[in-house]
Amino acid sequence: SMVMSISDYVVVLDVGRKISEGTPQEVRNDPNVIAA
């Protein structure tokens, strides 16, 4: 909740790899991020 409310940009990692990046809204709607 804090991340999505204050961040301009979000980078999502999974086991050392980037699986998504973008604005909070873009990341929020990324199916890979939602699932993981």
PDB file of all heavy atoms in Angstrom:
ATOM      1  N   SER A   1       0.842  -1.202   0.000  1.00  0.00           N
ATOM      2  CA  SER A   1       0.000   0.000   0.000  1.00  0.00           C
ATOM      3  C   SER A   1       0.875   1.249   0.000  1.00  0.00           C
ATOM      4  O   SER A   1       0.590   2.215  -0.727  1.00  0.00           O
ATOM      5  CB  SER A   1      -0.938  -0.001   1.204  1.00  0.00           C
ATOM      6  OG  SER A   1      -0.210  -0.094   2.413  1.00  0.00           O
ATOM      7  N   MET A   2       1.948   1.259   0.790  1.00  0.00           N
ATOM      8  CA  MET A   2       2.839   2.409   0.823  1.00  0.00           C
ATOM      9  C   MET A   2       3.615   2.537  -0.478  1.00  0.00           C
ATOM     10  O   MET A   2       3.756   3.628  -1.032  1.00  0.00           O
ATOM     11  CB  MET A   2       3.817   2.312   2.007  1.00  0.00           C
ATOM     12  CG  MET A   2       4.612   3.591   2.215  1.00  0.00           C
ATOM     13  SD  MET A   2       5.696   3.542   3.662  1.00  0.00           S
ATOM     14  CE  MET A   2       7.171   2.849   2.939  1.00  0.00           C
ATOM     15  N   VAL A   3       4.127   1.405  -0.975  1.00  0.00           N
ATOM     16  CA  VAL A   3       4.883   1.424  -2.228  1.00  0.00           C
ATOM     17  C   VAL A   3       4.051   2.039  -3.350  1.00  0.00           C
ATOM     18  O   VAL A   3       4.507   2.926  -4.082  1.00  0.00           O
ATOM     19  CB  VAL A   3       5.323  -0.002  -2.618  1.00  0.00           C
ATOM     20  CG1 VAL A   3       5.801  -0.059  -4.069  1.00  0.00           C
ATOM     21  CG2 VAL A   3       6.428  -0.492  -1.689  1.00  0.00           C
ATOM     22  N   MET A   4       2.829   1.564  -3.496  1.00  0.00           N
ATOM     23  CA  MET A   4       1.996   2.015  -4.602  1.00  0.00           C
ATOM     24  C   MET A   4       1.523   3.453  -4.440  1.00  0.00           C
ATOM     25  O   MET A   4       1.228   4.128  -5.428  1.00  0.00           O
ATOM     26  CB  MET A   4       0.788   1.080  -4.763  1.00  0.00           C
ATOM     27  CG  MET A   4       1.165  -0.335  -5.151  1.00  0.00           C
ATOM     28  SD  MET A   4       2.051  -0.405  -6.732  1.00  0.00           S
ATOM     29  CE  MET A   4       2.451  -2.160  -6.827  1.00  0.00           C
ATOM     30  N   SER A   5       1.475   3.946  -3.213  1.00  0.00           N
ATOM     31  CA  SER A   5       0.967   5.309  -2.999  1.00  0.00           C
ATOM     32  C   SER A   5       2.053   6.378  -3.116  1.00  0.00           C
ATOM     33  O   SER A   5       1.746   7.526  -3.451  1.00  0.00           O
ATOM     34  CB  SER A   5       0.290   5.416  -1.628  1.00  0.00           C
ATOM     35  OG  SER A   5       1.233   5.244  -0.579  1.00  0.00           O
ATOM     36  N   ILE A   6       3.327   6.029  -2.877  1.00  0.00           N
ATOM     37  CA  ILE A   6       4.358   7.074  -2.877  1.00  0.00           C
ATOM     38  C   ILE A   6       5.352   6.957  -4.020  1.00  0.00           C
ATOM     39  O   ILE A   6       6.088   7.914  -4.295  1.00  0.00           O
ATOM     40  CB  ILE A   6       5.140   7.102  -1.544  1.00  0.00           C
ATOM     41  CG1 ILE A   6       6.079   5.904  -1.414  1.00  0.00           C
ATOM     42  CG2 ILE A   6       4.197   7.203  -0.354  1.00  0.00           C
ATOM     43  CD1 ILE A   6       7.022   6.008  -0.215  1.00  0.00           C
ATOM     44  N   SER A   7       5.386   5.832  -4.724  1.00  0.00           N
ATOM     45  CA  SER A   7       6.436   5.616  -5.726  1.00  0.00           C
ATOM     46  C   SER A   7       6.067   6.235  -7.072  1.00  0.00           C
ATOM     47  O   SER A   7       4.910   6.200  -7.503  1.00  0.00           O
ATOM     48  CB  SER A   7       6.698   4.124  -5.921  1.00  0.00           C
ATOM     49  OG  SER A   7       7.117   3.516  -4.715  1.00  0.00           O
ATOM     50  N   ASP A   8       7.078   6.773  -7.735  1.00  0.00           N
ATOM     51  CA  ASP A   8       6.931   7.208  -9.121  1.00  0.00           C
ATOM     52  C   ASP A   8       7.199   6.050 -10.077  1.00  0.00           C
ATOM     53  O   ASP A   8       6.674   6.023 -11.192  1.00  0.00           O
ATOM     54  CB  ASP A   8       7.908   8.351  -9.434  1.00  0.00           C
ATOM     55  CG  ASP A   8       7.687   9.563  -8.560  1.00  0.00           C
ATOM     56  OD1 ASP A   8       6.612  10.180  -8.668  1.00  0.00           O
ATOM     57  OD2 ASP A   8       8.582   9.891  -7.752  1.00  0.00           O
ATOM     58  N   TYR A   9       8.028   5.127  -9.640  1.00  0.00           N
ATOM     59  CA  TYR A   9       8.460   4.020 -10.502  1.00  0.00           C
ATOM     60  C   TYR A   9       8.702   2.805  -9.621  1.00  0.00           C
ATOM     61  O   TYR A   9       9.129   2.937  -8.467  1.00  0.00           O
ATOM     62  CB  TYR A   9       9.749   4.408 -11.223  1.00  0.00           C
ATOM     63  CG  TYR A   9      10.007   3.660 -12.512  1.00  0.00           C
ATOM     64  CD1 TYR A   9       9.273   3.953 -13.660  1.00  0.00           C
ATOM     65  CD2 TYR A   9      10.979   2.670 -12.598  1.00  0.00           C
ATOM     66  CE1 TYR A   9       9.513   3.281 -14.854  1.00  0.00           C
ATOM     67  CE2 TYR A   9      11.225   1.996 -13.786  1.00  0.00           C
ATOM     68  CZ  TYR A   9      10.486   2.308 -14.910  1.00  0.00           C
ATOM     69  OH  TYR A   9      10.707   1.643 -16.097  1.00  0.00           O
ATOM     70  N   VAL A  10       8.414   1.627 -10.169  1.00  0.00           N
ATOM     71  CA  VAL A  10       8.566   0.392  -9.411  1.00  0.00           C
ATOM     72  C   VAL A  10       9.320  -0.615 -10.269  1.00  0.00           C
ATOM     73  O   VAL A  10       9.011  -0.791 -11.456  1.00  0.00           O
ATOM     74  CB  VAL A  10       7.196  -0.194  -8.992  1.00  0.00           C
ATOM     75  CG1 VAL A  10       7.385  -1.488  -8.204  1.00  0.00           C
ATOM     76  CG2 VAL A  10       6.399   0.821  -8.177  1.00  0.00           C
ATOM     77  N   VAL A  11      10.315  -1.277  -9.657  1.00  0.00           N
ATOM     78  CA  VAL A  11      11.062  -2.353 -10.307  1.00  0.00           C
ATOM     79  C   VAL A  11      10.796  -3.632  -9.523  1.00  0.00           C
ATOM     80  O   VAL A  11      10.955  -3.657  -8.302  1.00  0.00           O
ATOM     81  CB  VAL A  11      12.578  -2.052 -10.342  1.00  0.00           C
ATOM     82  CG1 VAL A  11      13.353  -3.207 -10.974  1.00  0.00           C
ATOM     83  CG2 VAL A  11      12.851  -0.755 -11.108  1.00  0.00           C
ATOM     84  N   VAL A  12      10.382  -4.675 -10.216  1.00  0.00           N
ATOM     85  CA  VAL A  12      10.005  -5.925  -9.563  1.00  0.00           C
ATOM     86  C   VAL A  12      11.063  -6.986  -9.850  1.00  0.00           C
ATOM     87  O   VAL A  12      11.399  -7.244 -11.013  1.00  0.00           O
ATOM     88  CB  VAL A  12       8.633  -6.428 -10.056  1.00  0.00           C
ATOM     89  CG1 VAL A  12       8.169  -7.612  -9.210  1.00  0.00           C
ATOM     90  CG2 VAL A  12       7.604  -5.303 -10.025  1.00  0.00           C
ATOM     91  N   LEU A  13      11.587  -7.608  -8.789  1.00  0.00           N
ATOM     92  CA  LEU A  13      12.608  -8.641  -8.919  1.00  0.00           C
ATOM     93  C   LEU A  13      12.055  -9.999  -8.532  1.00  0.00           C
ATOM     94  O   LEU A  13      11.170 -10.107  -7.688  1.00  0.00           O
ATOM     95  CB  LEU A  13      13.809  -8.319  -8.014  1.00  0.00           C
ATOM     96  CG  LEU A  13      14.521  -6.991  -8.205  1.00  0.00           C
ATOM     97  CD1 LEU A  13      15.734  -6.915  -7.282  1.00  0.00           C
ATOM     98  CD2 LEU A  13      14.923  -6.780  -9.642  1.00  0.00           C
ATOM     99  N   ASP A  14      12.614 -11.013  -9.152  1.00  0.00           N
ATOM    100  CA  ASP A  14      12.279 -12.391  -8.798  1.00  0.00           C
ATOM    101  C   ASP A  14      13.535 -13.232  -8.962  1.00  0.00           C
ATOM    102  O   ASP A  14      14.038 -13.393 -10.083  1.00  0.00           O
ATOM    103  CB  ASP A  14      11.166 -12.922  -9.705  1.00  0.00           C
ATOM    104  CG  ASP A  14      10.753 -14.345  -9.336  1.00  0.00           C
ATOM    105  OD1 ASP A  14      11.051 -14.775  -8.211  1.00  0.00           O
ATOM    106  OD2 ASP A  14      10.136 -15.019 -10.177  1.00  0.00           O
ATOM    107  N   VAL A  15      14.079 -13.705  -7.859  1.00  0.00           N
ATOM    108  CA  VAL A  15      15.301 -14.522  -7.836  1.00  0.00           C
ATOM    109  C   VAL A  15      16.416 -13.851  -8.635  1.00  0.00           C
ATOM    110  O   VAL A  15      17.073 -14.469  -9.482  1.00  0.00           O
ATOM    111  CB  VAL A  15      15.033 -15.950  -8.370  1.00  0.00           C
ATOM    112  CG1 VAL A  15      16.161 -16.890  -7.942  1.00  0.00           C
ATOM    113  CG2 VAL A  15      13.712 -16.492  -7.889  1.00  0.00           C
ATOM    114  N   GLY A  16      16.616 -12.554  -8.367  1.00  0.00           N
ATOM    115  CA  GLY A  16      17.716 -11.830  -8.990  1.00  0.00           C
ATOM    116  C   GLY A  16      17.441 -11.280 -10.362  1.00  0.00           C
ATOM    117  O   GLY A  16      18.285 -10.574 -10.933  1.00  0.00           O
ATOM    118  N   ARG A  17      16.268 -11.577 -10.926  1.00  0.00           N
ATOM    119  CA  ARG A  17      15.930 -11.102 -12.269  1.00  0.00           C
ATOM    120  C   ARG A  17      14.810 -10.073 -12.205  1.00  0.00           C
ATOM    121  O   ARG A  17      13.919 -10.167 -11.370  1.00  0.00           O
ATOM    122  CB  ARG A  17      15.485 -12.261 -13.160  1.00  0.00           C
ATOM    123  CG  ARG A  17      16.550 -13.306 -13.410  1.00  0.00           C
ATOM    124  CD  ARG A  17      16.029 -14.370 -14.380  1.00  0.00           C
ATOM    125  NE  ARG A  17      17.042 -15.379 -14.664  1.00  0.00           N
ATOM    126  CZ  ARG A  17      17.195 -16.507 -13.981  1.00  0.00           C
ATOM    127  NH1 ARG A  17      16.382 -16.754 -12.962  1.00  0.00           N
ATOM    128  NH2 ARG A  17      18.137 -17.369 -14.297  1.00  0.00           N
ATOM    129  N   LYS A  18      14.846  -9.128 -13.120  1.00  0.00           N
ATOM    130  CA  LYS A  18      13.757  -8.157 -13.234  1.00  0.00           C
ATOM    131  C   LYS A  18      12.634  -8.784 -14.051  1.00  0.00           C
ATOM    132  O   LYS A  18      12.854  -9.220 -15.182  1.00  0.00           O
ATOM    133  CB  LYS A  18      14.261  -6.882 -13.910  1.00  0.00           C
ATOM    134  CG  LYS A  18      13.195  -5.799 -14.071  1.00  0.00           C
ATOM    135  CD  LYS A  18      13.783  -4.547 -14.697  1.00  0.00           C
ATOM    136  CE  LYS A  18      14.167  -4.786 -16.144  1.00  0.00           C
ATOM    137  NZ  LYS A  18      14.706  -3.568 -16.784  1.00  0.00           N
ATOM    138  N   ILE A  19      11.434  -8.816 -13.476  1.00  0.00           N
ATOM    139  CA  ILE A  19      10.306  -9.380 -14.218  1.00  0.00           C
ATOM    140  C   ILE A  19       9.311  -8.308 -14.646  1.00  0.00           C
ATOM    141  O   ILE A  19       8.445  -8.574 -15.486  1.00  0.00           O
ATOM    142  CB  ILE A  19       9.572 -10.465 -13.405  1.00  0.00           C
ATOM    143  CG1 ILE A  19       8.937  -9.878 -12.143  1.00  0.00           C
ATOM    144  CG2 ILE A  19      10.512 -11.612 -13.073  1.00  0.00           C
ATOM    145  CD1 ILE A  19       7.958 -10.829 -11.475  1.00  0.00           C
ATOM    146  N   SER A  20       9.435  -7.092 -14.091  1.00  0.00           N
ATOM    147  CA  SER A  20       8.532  -6.014 -14.477  1.00  0.00           C
ATOM    148  C   SER A  20       9.095  -4.686 -13.995  1.00  0.00           C
ATOM    149  O   SER A  20       9.867  -4.645 -13.023  1.00  0.00           O
ATOM    150  CB  SER A  20       7.134  -6.232 -13.880  1.00  0.00           C
ATOM    151  OG  SER A  20       6.233  -5.223 -14.305  1.00  0.00           O
ATOM    152  N   GLU A  21       8.713  -3.614 -14.657  1.00  0.00           N
ATOM    153  CA  GLU A  21       9.028  -2.263 -14.184  1.00  0.00           C
ATOM    154  C   GLU A  21       8.053  -1.292 -14.826  1.00  0.00           C
ATOM    155  O   GLU A  21       7.468  -1.566 -15.874  1.00  0.00           O
ATOM    156  CB  GLU A  21      10.471  -1.875 -14.514  1.00  0.00           C
ATOM    157  CG  GLU A  21      10.779  -1.750 -15.994  1.00  0.00           C
ATOM    158  CD  GLU A  21      12.222  -1.335 -16.238  1.00  0.00           C
ATOM    159  OE1 GLU A  21      12.746  -0.512 -15.467  1.00  0.00           O
ATOM    160  OE2 GLU A  21      12.813  -1.828 -17.213  1.00  0.00           O
ATOM    161  N   GLY A  22       7.864  -0.164 -14.177  1.00  0.00           N
ATOM    162  CA  GLY A  22       6.961   0.843 -14.702  1.00  0.00           C
ATOM    163  C   GLY A  22       6.352   1.661 -13.590  1.00  0.00           C
ATOM    164  O   GLY A  22       6.805   1.612 -12.438  1.00  0.00           O
ATOM    165  N   THR A  23       5.336   2.411 -13.916  1.00  0.00           N
ATOM    166  CA  THR A  23       4.622   3.176 -12.894  1.00  0.00           C
ATOM    167  C   THR A  23       3.886   2.210 -11.970  1.00  0.00           C
ATOM    168  O   THR A  23       3.669   1.037 -12.328  1.00  0.00           O
ATOM    169  CB  THR A  23       3.607   4.117 -13.545  1.00  0.00           C
ATOM    170  OG1 THR A  23       2.587   3.332 -14.182  1.00  0.00           O
ATOM    171  CG2 THR A  23       4.269   5.026 -14.580  1.00  0.00           C
ATOM    172  N   PRO A  24       3.489   2.667 -10.796  1.00  0.00           N
ATOM    173  CA  PRO A  24       2.720   1.774  -9.913  1.00  0.00           C
ATOM    174  C   PRO A  24       1.505   1.176 -10.604  1.00  0.00           C
ATOM    175  O   PRO A  24       1.202  -0.006 -10.416  1.00  0.00           O
ATOM    176  CB  PRO A  24       2.330   2.703  -8.755  1.00  0.00           C
ATOM    177  CG  PRO A  24       3.435   3.700  -8.685  1.00  0.00           C
ATOM    178  CD  PRO A  24       3.810   3.951 -10.121  1.00  0.00           C
ATOM    179  N   GLN A  25       0.806   1.972 -11.408  1.00  0.00           N
ATOM    180  CA  GLN A  25      -0.377   1.455 -12.091  1.00  0.00           C
ATOM    181  C   GLN A  25      -0.010   0.372 -13.092  1.00  0.00           C
ATOM    182  O   GLN A  25      -0.693  -0.660 -13.206  1.00  0.00           O
ATOM    183  CB  GLN A  25      -1.119   2.597 -12.809  1.00  0.00           C
ATOM    184  CG  GLN A  25      -2.471   2.203 -13.385  1.00  0.00           C
ATOM    185  CD  GLN A  25      -3.450   1.760 -12.309  1.00  0.00           C
ATOM    186  OE1 GLN A  25      -3.418   2.239 -11.174  1.00  0.00           O
ATOM    187  NE2 GLN A  25      -4.339   0.825 -12.658  1.00  0.00           N
ATOM    188  N   GLU A  26       1.082   0.580 -13.837  1.00  0.00           N
ATOM    189  CA  GLU A  26       1.516  -0.422 -14.809  1.00  0.00           C
ATOM    190  C   GLU A  26       1.913  -1.720 -14.116  1.00  0.00           C
ATOM    191  O   GLU A  26       1.565  -2.814 -14.572  1.00  0.00           O
ATOM    192  CB  GLU A  26       2.679   0.127 -15.639  1.00  0.00           C
ATOM    193  CG  GLU A  26       2.275   1.236 -16.593  1.00  0.00           C
ATOM    194  CD  GLU A  26       3.453   1.956 -17.200  1.00  0.00           C
ATOM    195  OE1 GLU A  26       4.571   1.900 -16.620  1.00  0.00           O
ATOM    196  OE2 GLU A  26       3.268   2.601 -18.253  1.00  0.00           O
ATOM    197  N   VAL A  27       2.663  -1.604 -13.036  1.00  0.00           N
ATOM    198  CA  VAL A  27       3.098  -2.797 -12.310  1.00  0.00           C
ATOM    199  C   VAL A  27       1.906  -3.485 -11.651  1.00  0.00           C
ATOM    200  O   VAL A  27       1.794  -4.714 -11.647  1.00  0.00           O
ATOM    201  CB  VAL A  27       4.171  -2.419 -11.269  1.00  0.00           C
ATOM    202  CG1 VAL A  27       4.421  -3.561 -10.299  1.00  0.00           C
ATOM    203  CG2 VAL A  27       5.471  -2.011 -11.970  1.00  0.00           C
ATOM    204  N   ARG A  28       1.001  -2.687 -11.109  1.00  0.00           N
ATOM    205  CA  ARG A  28      -0.190  -3.236 -10.447  1.00  0.00           C
ATOM    206  C   ARG A  28      -0.997  -4.119 -11.398  1.00  0.00           C
ATOM    207  O   ARG A  28      -1.596  -5.119 -10.991  1.00  0.00           O
ATOM    208  CB  ARG A  28      -1.059  -2.085  -9.942  1.00  0.00           C
ATOM    209  CG  ARG A  28      -2.211  -2.488  -9.056  1.00  0.00           C
ATOM    210  CD  ARG A  28      -3.220  -1.355  -8.915  1.00  0.00           C
ATOM    211  NE  ARG A  28      -2.603  -0.131  -8.461  1.00  0.00           N
ATOM    212  CZ  ARG A  28      -2.501   0.234  -7.170  1.00  0.00           C
ATOM    213  NH1 ARG A  28      -2.968  -0.562  -6.233  1.00  0.00           N
ATOM    214  NH2 ARG A  28      -1.942   1.372  -6.852  1.00  0.00           N
ATOM    215  N   ASN A  29      -1.006  -3.750 -12.680  1.00  0.00           N
ATOM    216  CA  ASN A  29      -1.811  -4.468 -13.660  1.00  0.00           C
ATOM    217  C   ASN A  29      -1.038  -5.527 -14.436  1.00  0.00           C
ATOM    218  O   ASN A  29      -1.606  -6.166 -15.334  1.00  0.00           O
ATOM    219  CB  ASN A  29      -2.428  -3.466 -14.649  1.00  0.00           C
ATOM    220  CG  ASN A  29      -3.442  -2.545 -13.984  1.00  0.00           C
ATOM    221  OD1 ASN A  29      -4.146  -2.947 -13.064  1.00  0.00           O
ATOM    222  ND2 ASN A  29      -3.507  -1.301 -14.442  1.00  0.00           N
ATOM    223  N   ASP A  30       0.234  -5.720 -14.120  1.00  0.00           N
ATOM    224  CA  ASP A  30       1.035  -6.721 -14.816  1.00  0.00           C
ATOM    225  C   ASP A  30       0.653  -8.106 -14.294  1.00  0.00           C
ATOM    226  O   ASP A  30       0.810  -8.391 -13.104  1.00  0.00           O
ATOM    227  CB  ASP A  30       2.526  -6.446 -14.567  1.00  0.00           C
ATOM    228  CG  ASP A  30       3.429  -7.339 -15.393  1.00  0.00           C
ATOM    229  OD1 ASP A  30       3.109  -8.536 -15.566  1.00  0.00           O
ATOM    230  OD2 ASP A  30       4.483  -6.850 -15.857  1.00  0.00           O
ATOM    231  N   PRO A  31       0.163  -8.992 -15.150  1.00  0.00           N
ATOM    232  CA  PRO A  31      -0.262 -10.323 -14.680  1.00  0.00           C
ATOM    233  C   PRO A  31       0.847 -11.101 -13.982  1.00  0.00           C
ATOM    234  O   PRO A  31       0.582 -11.837 -13.023  1.00  0.00           O
ATOM    235  CB  PRO A  31      -0.700 -11.024 -15.980  1.00  0.00           C
ATOM    236  CG  PRO A  31      -1.052  -9.913 -16.919  1.00  0.00           C
ATOM    237  CD  PRO A  31      -0.101  -8.796 -16.584  1.00  0.00           C
ATOM    238  N   ASN A  32       2.099 -10.939 -14.453  1.00  0.00           N
ATOM    239  CA  ASN A  32       3.208 -11.649 -13.815  1.00  0.00           C
ATOM    240  C   ASN A  32       3.404 -11.193 -12.374  1.00  0.00           C
ATOM    241  O   ASN A  32       3.664 -11.995 -11.473  1.00  0.00           O
ATOM    242  CB  ASN A  32       4.498 -11.424 -14.603  1.00  0.00           C
ATOM    243  CG  ASN A  32       4.468 -12.087 -15.964  1.00  0.00           C
ATOM    244  OD1 ASN A  32       3.853 -13.134 -16.137  1.00  0.00           O
ATOM    245  ND2 ASN A  32       5.137 -11.479 -16.926  1.00  0.00           N
ATOM    246  N   VAL A  33       3.270  -9.893 -12.160  1.00  0.00           N
ATOM    247  CA  VAL A  33       3.432  -9.347 -10.815  1.00  0.00           C
ATOM    248  C   VAL A  33       2.276  -9.760  -9.922  1.00  0.00           C
ATOM    249  O   VAL A  33       2.471 -10.154  -8.770  1.00  0.00           O
ATOM    250  CB  VAL A  33       3.547  -7.812 -10.867  1.00  0.00           C
ATOM    251  CG1 VAL A  33       3.628  -7.226  -9.452  1.00  0.00           C
ATOM    252  CG2 VAL A  33       4.765  -7.389 -11.686  1.00  0.00           C
ATOM    253  N   ILE A  34       1.084  -9.683 -10.463  1.00  0.00           N
ATOM    254  CA  ILE A  34      -0.096 -10.074  -9.679  1.00  0.00           C
ATOM    255  C   ILE A  34       0.019 -11.524  -9.233  1.00  0.00           C
ATOM    256  O   ILE A  34      -0.217 -11.864  -8.068  1.00  0.00           O
ATOM    257  CB  ILE A  34      -1.381  -9.875 -10.504  1.00  0.00           C
ATOM    258  CG1 ILE A  34      -1.602  -8.380 -10.783  1.00  0.00           C
ATOM    259  CG2 ILE A  34      -2.593 -10.452  -9.774  1.00  0.00           C
ATOM    260  CD1 ILE A  34      -2.715  -8.086 -11.766  1.00  0.00           C
ATOM    261  N   ALA A  35       0.436 -12.382 -10.151  1.00  0.00           N
ATOM    262  CA  ALA A  35       0.531 -13.806  -9.836  1.00  0.00           C
ATOM    263  C   ALA A  35       1.664 -14.090  -8.850  1.00  0.00           C
ATOM    264  O   ALA A  35       1.515 -14.908  -7.941  1.00  0.00           O
ATOM    265  CB  ALA A  35       0.751 -14.602 -11.123  1.00  0.00           C
ATOM    266  N   ALA A  36       2.783 -13.390  -9.018  1.00  0.00           N
ATOM    267  CA  ALA A  36       3.972 -13.725  -8.226  1.00  0.00           C
ATOM    268  C   ALA A  36       3.995 -13.070  -6.851  1.00  0.00           C
ATOM    269  O   ALA A  36       4.499 -13.661  -5.892  1.00  0.00           O
ATOM    270  CB  ALA A  36       5.232 -13.326  -9.005  1.00  0.00           C
TER     271      ALA A  36
END
